[in-house]
Amino acid sequence: MSDLPVKGRVIMPKVMQKLTNRKIRKLTGKQRDVLEFIKHYIIERQHAPTYKEIADNFGINVNAIQQSVSALIRKGFIERAADGIARGLRLRDNVPAEISRVKSNVIVIPLYGNVAAGEPIFADSNVVDHVAVEKPRRASGTLFSVTVRGDSMVDKKILEKDKLIVRKQANATDGDIVVALLDDEVTVKIFRFGGGKPYLQPANDKYDPIRRPFKILGIVVGLTRDYTISLTP
């Protein structure tokens, strides 16, 4: 399997088009950064962030974010729902049209966490979040997501904290990148079948092949990668 395409947050060129130069000049650097974060958040999750979620992204207090959001409202870039709900921010101008074009190709899949001893990986109680991703063209069937931990797959450009898009299935072909259950640990590796026995091959020379019993949970068909926006000084 070739290196995986990165989906989701970092590669959405049509959505990341800037607003017109005339209107951008109305904004300070901090206001522009907050607006870009709100746009990306709504596109990915299909609902607005809370003030706390915006503040956490930038590592500043909620009061500072409230000031920036209030300025964006005054300048006509966003609006706030009249009922004052927690996720009541709405984008104005041409951004809603961009979002509607993206929605048809966006699906929401469950993100599973660590597996407790003896607990099924796909138990409802193990869903820690949901991830909005662009639907992979070649993926059919049930999709789910897990978060990468460690650096054992860096040679395949799979990095720690990446969220994998996985097609659920119990078998694989030699060379597929799989998510597997190893003891009570979920791991991502290259599936190999050599010497008459299947094994898991890391994509990092620091690690040895894994020849212990394992269970295939699915085939990796893509991934999403988080980004962090720093406030412009």
Protein backbone atom coordinates (compact mmCIF):
# COMPACT_ATOMS: atom_id res chain seq x y z
CA MET A 1 0.00 0.00 0.00
CA SER A 2 1.40 3.42 -0.92
CA ASP A 3 1.83 6.35 1.44
CA LEU A 4 -1.56 7.49 2.67
CA PRO A 5 -3.27 10.69 1.52
CA VAL A 6 -3.85 13.15 4.33
CA LYS A 7 -7.51 14.08 4.54
CA GLY A 8 -9.48 16.57 6.57
CA ARG A 9 -8.09 19.61 8.26
CA VAL A 10 -4.93 20.38 6.37
CA ILE A 11 -5.91 19.79 2.74
CA MET A 12 -9.08 21.70 1.87
CA PRO A 13 -7.93 24.35 -0.61
CA LYS A 14 -11.38 25.48 -1.78
CA VAL A 15 -12.53 26.02 1.77
CA MET A 16 -9.38 27.84 2.83
CA GLN A 17 -9.84 30.68 0.33
CA LYS A 18 -9.35 34.03 2.03
CA LEU A 19 -12.10 36.58 2.30
CA THR A 20 -11.79 39.61 0.02
CA ASN A 21 -8.79 41.89 0.58
CA ARG A 22 -11.09 44.81 1.27
CA LYS A 23 -12.76 43.04 4.17
CA ILE A 24 -9.59 41.38 5.49
CA ARG A 25 -8.09 44.81 6.00
CA LYS A 26 -10.81 45.45 8.58
CA LEU A 27 -9.36 42.75 10.84
CA THR A 28 -6.42 42.69 13.20
CA GLY A 29 -4.08 39.70 13.03
CA LYS A 30 -5.66 38.11 16.10
CA GLN A 31 -9.19 38.60 14.80
CA ARG A 32 -8.25 37.05 11.46
CA ASP A 33 -6.71 34.01 13.21
CA VAL A 34 -9.83 33.51 15.34
CA LEU A 35 -12.06 33.79 12.25
CA GLU A 36 -9.98 31.21 10.37
CA PHE A 37 -10.19 28.81 13.34
CA ILE A 38 -13.97 29.18 13.55
CA LYS A 39 -14.30 28.52 9.80
CA HIS A 40 -12.16 25.36 9.96
CA TYR A 41 -13.98 24.10 13.08
CA ILE A 42 -17.44 24.49 11.52
CA ILE A 43 -16.33 22.86 8.26
CA GLU A 44 -14.85 19.86 10.07
CA ARG A 45 -17.45 19.28 12.80
CA GLN A 46 -20.55 20.83 11.23
CA HIS A 47 -21.22 22.95 14.33
CA ALA A 48 -19.61 26.00 15.91
CA PRO A 49 -16.97 25.92 18.67
CA THR A 50 -17.62 27.23 22.16
CA TYR A 51 -15.65 30.18 23.49
CA LYS A 52 -13.67 27.78 25.69
CA GLU A 53 -12.73 25.58 22.72
CA ILE A 54 -11.48 28.62 20.82
CA ALA A 55 -9.53 29.81 23.85
CA ASP A 56 -7.99 26.37 24.41
CA ASN A 57 -6.77 26.26 20.81
CA PHE A 58 -4.88 29.53 21.21
CA GLY A 59 -3.81 29.00 24.82
CA ILE A 60 -5.39 32.23 26.06
CA ASN A 61 -8.26 33.08 28.41
CA VAL A 62 -11.92 33.13 27.44
CA ASN A 63 -12.26 36.88 28.06
CA ALA A 64 -9.71 37.63 25.33
CA ILE A 65 -11.59 35.38 22.89
CA GLN A 66 -14.90 37.04 23.76
CA GLN A 67 -13.37 40.40 22.80
CA SER A 68 -12.14 39.05 19.45
CA VAL A 69 -15.50 37.38 18.70
CA SER A 70 -17.40 40.54 19.62
CA ALA A 71 -15.21 42.49 17.19
CA LEU A 72 -15.91 39.93 14.43
CA ILE A 73 -19.63 40.30 15.08
CA ARG A 74 -19.45 44.11 14.95
CA LYS A 75 -17.50 43.93 11.67
CA GLY A 76 -20.05 41.61 10.08
CA PHE A 77 -18.00 38.41 9.71
CA ILE A 78 -19.97 36.26 12.15
CA GLU A 79 -23.23 36.47 14.07
CA ARG A 80 -24.51 35.02 17.30
CA ALA A 81 -27.78 33.11 17.69
CA ALA A 82 -30.45 35.15 19.45
CA ASP A 83 -31.18 32.39 21.95
CA GLY A 84 -27.62 32.53 23.33
CA ILE A 85 -26.88 28.81 22.94
CA ALA A 86 -23.32 27.64 23.67
CA ARG A 87 -22.54 26.86 20.02
CA GLY A 88 -24.51 29.75 18.60
CA LEU A 89 -21.83 31.39 16.42
CA ARG A 90 -22.63 31.55 12.69
CA LEU A 91 -20.50 32.61 9.74
CA ARG A 92 -21.69 35.30 7.36
CA ASP A 93 -20.74 36.41 3.83
CA ASN A 94 -19.90 33.62 1.33
CA VAL A 95 -18.69 31.03 3.87
CA PRO A 96 -22.01 29.11 4.29
CA ALA A 97 -22.04 28.36 0.53
CA GLU A 98 -18.55 26.90 0.83
CA ILE A 99 -19.65 24.73 3.73
CA SER A 100 -22.67 23.40 1.83
CA ARG A 101 -20.39 22.29 -1.03
CA VAL A 102 -18.20 20.40 1.42
CA LYS A 103 -21.01 18.72 3.37
CA SER A 104 -21.95 16.27 0.63
CA ASN A 105 -18.48 14.73 0.76
CA VAL A 106 -18.11 14.79 4.55
CA ILE A 107 -19.00 11.89 6.82
CA VAL A 108 -18.83 11.59 10.60
CA ILE A 109 -17.22 8.44 12.00
CA PRO A 110 -16.64 7.24 15.59
CA LEU A 111 -13.23 7.73 17.19
CA TYR A 112 -12.36 4.84 19.48
CA GLY A 113 -10.06 5.16 22.49
CA ASN A 114 -7.85 2.77 24.42
CA VAL A 115 -9.19 -0.70 25.11
CA ALA A 116 -9.77 -1.74 28.70
CA ALA A 117 -8.79 -5.31 29.52
CA GLY A 118 -11.46 -7.68 28.27
CA GLU A 119 -13.59 -4.91 26.72
CA PRO A 120 -14.50 -5.10 23.01
CA ILE A 121 -12.80 -2.39 20.95
CA PHE A 122 -16.08 -1.48 19.25
CA ALA A 123 -18.11 -1.14 22.45
CA ASP A 124 -20.22 2.05 22.52
CA SER A 125 -18.53 2.97 25.80
CA ASN A 126 -15.19 3.07 23.98
CA VAL A 127 -16.27 5.87 21.60
CA VAL A 128 -14.40 8.95 22.83
CA ASP A 129 -15.38 11.37 20.05
CA HIS A 130 -16.54 11.62 16.46
CA VAL A 131 -14.43 12.80 13.52
CA ALA A 132 -15.70 14.56 10.38
CA VAL A 133 -13.66 13.51 7.35
CA GLU A 134 -13.82 13.65 3.60
CA LYS A 135 -15.26 10.35 2.40
CA PRO A 136 -12.44 8.26 0.89
CA ARG A 137 -13.25 7.52 -2.76
CA ARG A 138 -12.19 3.88 -2.61
CA ALA A 139 -13.59 3.07 0.82
CA SER A 140 -16.87 1.22 1.23
CA GLY A 141 -18.27 -0.50 4.27
CA THR A 142 -18.10 0.64 7.89
CA LEU A 143 -15.48 3.25 8.75
CA PHE A 144 -14.05 4.19 12.14
CA SER A 145 -11.11 6.15 13.51
CA VAL A 146 -8.32 5.64 16.04
CA THR A 147 -5.51 7.94 17.18
CA VAL A 148 -1.90 7.01 16.38
CA ARG A 149 0.48 6.67 19.30
CA GLY A 150 4.24 6.37 18.87
CA ASP A 151 6.56 6.58 15.87
CA SER A 152 6.54 3.02 14.55
CA MET A 153 4.98 4.04 11.19
CA VAL A 154 6.87 7.23 10.33
CA ASP A 155 8.34 5.78 7.13
CA LYS A 156 4.77 5.56 5.82
CA LYS A 157 4.19 9.19 6.86
CA ILE A 158 1.90 8.15 9.70
CA LEU A 159 2.73 10.32 12.71
CA GLU A 160 1.84 10.36 16.38
CA LYS A 161 -1.61 11.92 17.06
CA ASP A 162 -2.78 11.38 13.48
CA LYS A 163 -6.36 10.10 13.34
CA LEU A 164 -6.60 7.11 11.02
CA ILE A 165 -9.59 6.46 8.78
CA VAL A 166 -10.11 2.70 8.94
CA ARG A 167 -12.41 0.35 7.00
CA LYS A 168 -13.65 -2.31 9.40
CA GLN A 169 -12.75 -5.85 8.28
CA ALA A 170 -11.10 -8.94 9.73
CA ASN A 171 -8.73 -9.86 6.89
CA ALA A 172 -5.95 -8.19 4.91
CA THR A 173 -3.63 -8.64 1.95
CA ASP A 174 0.14 -8.72 2.26
CA GLY A 175 1.35 -5.11 2.37
CA ASP A 176 -1.87 -3.55 3.65
CA ILE A 177 -1.62 -1.08 6.52
CA VAL A 178 -3.85 -2.45 9.24
CA VAL A 179 -5.17 -1.54 12.64
CA ALA A 180 -4.85 -4.61 14.83
CA LEU A 181 -5.58 -5.68 18.36
CA LEU A 182 -2.42 -6.96 20.04
CA ASP A 183 -3.22 -8.30 23.51
CA ASP A 184 -5.31 -5.36 24.81
CA GLU A 185 -3.51 -2.75 22.73
CA VAL A 186 -4.64 -1.23 19.43
CA THR A 187 -1.74 -0.80 17.02
CA VAL A 188 -1.17 0.23 13.38
CA LYS A 189 1.35 -1.76 11.34
CA ILE A 190 1.98 -3.25 7.88
CA PHE A 191 0.41 -6.68 7.51
CA ARG A 192 2.87 -9.28 6.23
CA PHE A 193 2.48 -12.96 5.43
CA GLY A 194 5.83 -14.66 5.28
CA GLY A 195 7.07 -18.15 6.15
CA GLY A 196 3.50 -19.40 6.28
CA LYS A 197 2.58 -17.17 9.24
CA PRO A 198 1.16 -13.62 9.34
CA TYR A 199 3.03 -10.93 11.28
CA LEU A 200 3.04 -7.16 11.78
CA GLN A 201 5.84 -5.04 10.32
CA PRO A 202 6.60 -1.53 11.65
CA ALA A 203 7.58 1.19 9.18
CA ASN A 204 10.53 2.28 11.29
CA ASP A 205 13.88 0.47 11.45
CA LYS A 206 14.05 1.06 15.21
CA TYR A 207 11.37 -1.60 15.75
CA ASP A 208 11.35 -5.35 15.13
CA PRO A 209 8.53 -7.26 13.42
CA ILE A 210 5.78 -8.47 15.76
CA ARG A 211 5.17 -12.20 15.52
CA ARG A 212 2.77 -12.64 18.43
CA PRO A 213 -0.93 -13.47 17.89
CA PHE A 214 -3.06 -10.49 16.83
CA LYS A 215 -6.51 -9.71 15.48
CA ILE A 216 -7.07 -7.47 12.45
CA LEU A 217 -9.66 -4.77 13.12
CA GLY A 218 -9.52 -2.99 9.79
CA ILE A 219 -7.57 -1.58 6.84
CA VAL A 220 -6.28 2.00 6.94
CA VAL A 221 -7.67 4.01 3.99
CA GLY A 222 -6.63 7.53 5.00
CA LEU A 223 -5.89 9.84 7.89
CA THR A 224 -6.51 13.31 9.27
CA ARG A 225 -3.87 15.49 10.85
CA ASP A 226 -4.49 18.20 13.40
CA TYR A 227 -3.05 21.65 12.97
CA THR A 228 -2.57 24.42 15.50
CA ILE A 229 -3.06 28.05 14.59
CA SER A 230 -0.91 30.47 16.58
CA LEU A 231 -2.21 33.98 17.12
CA THR A 232 -0.44 36.57 14.96
CA PRO A 233 1.49 39.01 17.17
